[in-house]
Amino acid sequence: MAQRDHNMMHPPIEELLDKVDSKFTLVALAAKRGRQVNSYYNQLGEGLGAIVPPQVTSVSRKPLSIALEEIAANKITYVRSEDAEETVK
């Protein structure tokens, strides 16, 4: 495996934008999943287990970074609802 270039933005924004239809969708998807990851870590001590754990192994501790890595790895996807499309028209 080739050595990765470690910089501030990994995965690269271009790679992430290939997974979604717009920057807005990327931001909304990553923010929502980041909140879910944060909630997962907060409820660990309570033993509830109702929230899906992170789907990738990450060295990052930040929920948003984990969410972006999940999107890049195709572990998190989205589906446009027909209601949302009708509202836009």
C-alpha atoms as a PDB file:
ATOM      1  CA  MET A   1       0.000   0.000   0.000  1.00  0.00           C
ATOM      2  CA  ALA A   2       1.317   3.417  -0.933  1.00  0.00           C
ATOM      3  CA  GLN A   3       2.183   5.756   1.877  1.00  0.00           C
ATOM      4  CA  ARG A   4      -0.474   8.399   2.393  1.00  0.00           C
ATOM      5  CA  ASP A   5       0.424  12.056   2.406  1.00  0.00           C
ATOM      6  CA  HIS A   6      -0.590  13.302   5.852  1.00  0.00           C
ATOM      7  CA  ASN A   7      -2.071  16.766   5.615  1.00  0.00           C
ATOM      8  CA  MET A   8      -4.909  18.584   7.301  1.00  0.00           C
ATOM      9  CA  MET A   9      -7.605  17.470   4.893  1.00  0.00           C
ATOM     10  CA  HIS A  10      -7.816  13.720   4.676  1.00  0.00           C
ATOM     11  CA  PRO A  11      -9.747  12.353   2.906  1.00  0.00           C
ATOM     12  CA  PRO A  12      -9.343  14.954   0.117  1.00  0.00           C
ATOM     13  CA  ILE A  13     -12.371  17.129  -0.614  1.00  0.00           C
ATOM     14  CA  GLU A  14     -12.348  16.048  -4.270  1.00  0.00           C
ATOM     15  CA  GLU A  15     -12.728  12.406  -3.218  1.00  0.00           C
ATOM     16  CA  LEU A  16     -15.622  13.300  -0.911  1.00  0.00           C
ATOM     17  CA  LEU A  17     -17.424  15.382  -3.547  1.00  0.00           C
ATOM     18  CA  ASP A  18     -17.371  12.374  -5.887  1.00  0.00           C
ATOM     19  CA  LYS A  19     -19.583  10.536  -3.354  1.00  0.00           C
ATOM     20  CA  VAL A  20     -22.379  13.145  -3.224  1.00  0.00           C
ATOM     21  CA  ASP A  21     -24.238  15.471  -5.581  1.00  0.00           C
ATOM     22  CA  SER A  22     -23.285  18.805  -3.989  1.00  0.00           C
ATOM     23  CA  LYS A  23     -21.199  20.508  -1.324  1.00  0.00           C
ATOM     24  CA  PHE A  24     -24.366  21.165   0.663  1.00  0.00           C
ATOM     25  CA  THR A  25     -25.217  17.462   0.707  1.00  0.00           C
ATOM     26  CA  LEU A  26     -21.692  16.630   1.870  1.00  0.00           C
ATOM     27  CA  VAL A  27     -21.861  19.150   4.708  1.00  0.00           C
ATOM     28  CA  ALA A  28     -25.337  18.042   5.819  1.00  0.00           C
ATOM     29  CA  LEU A  29     -24.472  14.336   5.633  1.00  0.00           C
ATOM     30  CA  ALA A  30     -21.169  14.730   7.492  1.00  0.00           C
ATOM     31  CA  ALA A  31     -22.719  16.950  10.173  1.00  0.00           C
ATOM     32  CA  LYS A  32     -25.588  14.546  10.814  1.00  0.00           C
ATOM     33  CA  ARG A  33     -23.294  11.520  10.995  1.00  0.00           C
ATOM     34  CA  GLY A  34     -20.803  13.446  13.145  1.00  0.00           C
ATOM     35  CA  ARG A  35     -23.575  14.127  15.670  1.00  0.00           C
ATOM     36  CA  GLN A  36     -24.479  10.422  15.643  1.00  0.00           C
ATOM     37  CA  VAL A  37     -20.856   9.400  16.264  1.00  0.00           C
ATOM     38  CA  ASN A  38     -20.607  11.939  19.085  1.00  0.00           C
ATOM     39  CA  SER A  39     -23.814  10.595  20.645  1.00  0.00           C
ATOM     40  CA  TYR A  40     -22.480   7.049  20.353  1.00  0.00           C
ATOM     41  CA  TYR A  41     -19.343   7.913  22.336  1.00  0.00           C
ATOM     42  CA  ASN A  42     -21.371   9.853  24.920  1.00  0.00           C
ATOM     43  CA  GLN A  43     -23.764   6.948  25.584  1.00  0.00           C
ATOM     44  CA  LEU A  44     -21.072   4.233  25.822  1.00  0.00           C
ATOM     45  CA  GLY A  45     -20.946   4.336  29.624  1.00  0.00           C
ATOM     46  CA  GLU A  46     -24.723   4.099  29.903  1.00  0.00           C
ATOM     47  CA  GLY A  47     -24.883   0.742  28.122  1.00  0.00           C
ATOM     48  CA  LEU A  48     -27.755   1.753  25.848  1.00  0.00           C
ATOM     49  CA  GLY A  49     -26.231   0.734  22.509  1.00  0.00           C
ATOM     50  CA  ALA A  50     -28.979   2.347  20.424  1.00  0.00           C
ATOM     51  CA  ILE A  51     -26.691   4.300  18.085  1.00  0.00           C
ATOM     52  CA  VAL A  52     -24.627   2.773  15.266  1.00  0.00           C
ATOM     53  CA  PRO A  53     -20.898   2.837  16.130  1.00  0.00           C
ATOM     54  CA  PRO A  54     -18.254   4.243  13.774  1.00  0.00           C
ATOM     55  CA  GLN A  55     -18.013   2.138  10.611  1.00  0.00           C
ATOM     56  CA  VAL A  56     -14.291   2.719   9.986  1.00  0.00           C
ATOM     57  CA  THR A  57     -11.171   2.316  12.075  1.00  0.00           C
ATOM     58  CA  SER A  58      -9.778   5.796  12.519  1.00  0.00           C
ATOM     59  CA  VAL A  59      -6.881   7.397  14.348  1.00  0.00           C
ATOM     60  CA  SER A  60      -8.962  10.555  14.605  1.00  0.00           C
ATOM     61  CA  ARG A  61     -10.930  11.273  17.747  1.00  0.00           C
ATOM     62  CA  LYS A  62     -13.064  13.979  16.167  1.00  0.00           C
ATOM     63  CA  PRO A  63     -16.597  12.875  15.205  1.00  0.00           C
ATOM     64  CA  LEU A  64     -16.641  14.984  12.026  1.00  0.00           C
ATOM     65  CA  SER A  65     -13.334  13.506  10.819  1.00  0.00           C
ATOM     66  CA  ILE A  66     -14.685  10.007  11.460  1.00  0.00           C
ATOM     67  CA  ALA A  67     -17.865  10.879   9.531  1.00  0.00           C
ATOM     68  CA  LEU A  68     -15.847  12.155   6.546  1.00  0.00           C
ATOM     69  CA  GLU A  69     -13.739   8.983   6.556  1.00  0.00           C
ATOM     70  CA  GLU A  70     -16.937   6.898   6.577  1.00  0.00           C
ATOM     71  CA  ILE A  71     -18.288   8.822   3.584  1.00  0.00           C
ATOM     72  CA  ALA A  72     -15.004   8.370   1.688  1.00  0.00           C
ATOM     73  CA  ALA A  73     -15.080   4.616   2.433  1.00  0.00           C
ATOM     74  CA  ASN A  74     -18.674   4.331   1.120  1.00  0.00           C
ATOM     75  CA  LYS A  75     -19.897   3.245   4.559  1.00  0.00           C
ATOM     76  CA  ILE A  76     -22.348   6.157   4.760  1.00  0.00           C
ATOM     77  CA  THR A  77     -24.644   7.023   1.871  1.00  0.00           C
ATOM     78  CA  TYR A  78     -27.761   9.095   1.387  1.00  0.00           C
ATOM     79  CA  VAL A  79     -31.051   8.826  -0.468  1.00  0.00           C
ATOM     80  CA  ARG A  80     -32.989  11.810  -1.744  1.00  0.00           C
ATOM     81  CA  SER A  81     -36.632  11.663  -0.781  1.00  0.00           C
ATOM     82  CA  GLU A  82     -39.277  12.521  -3.358  1.00  0.00           C
ATOM     83  CA  ASP A  83     -40.842  15.014  -0.938  1.00  0.00           C
ATOM     84  CA  ALA A  84     -37.647  17.076  -0.831  1.00  0.00           C
ATOM     85  CA  GLU A  85     -37.434  17.180  -4.626  1.00  0.00           C
ATOM     86  CA  GLU A  86     -41.061  18.340  -4.917  1.00  0.00           C
ATOM     87  CA  THR A  87     -40.443  21.127  -2.391  1.00  0.00           C
ATOM     88  CA  VAL A  88     -37.570  22.484  -4.486  1.00  0.00           C
ATOM     89  CA  LYS A  89     -39.661  22.724  -7.677  1.00  0.00           C
END
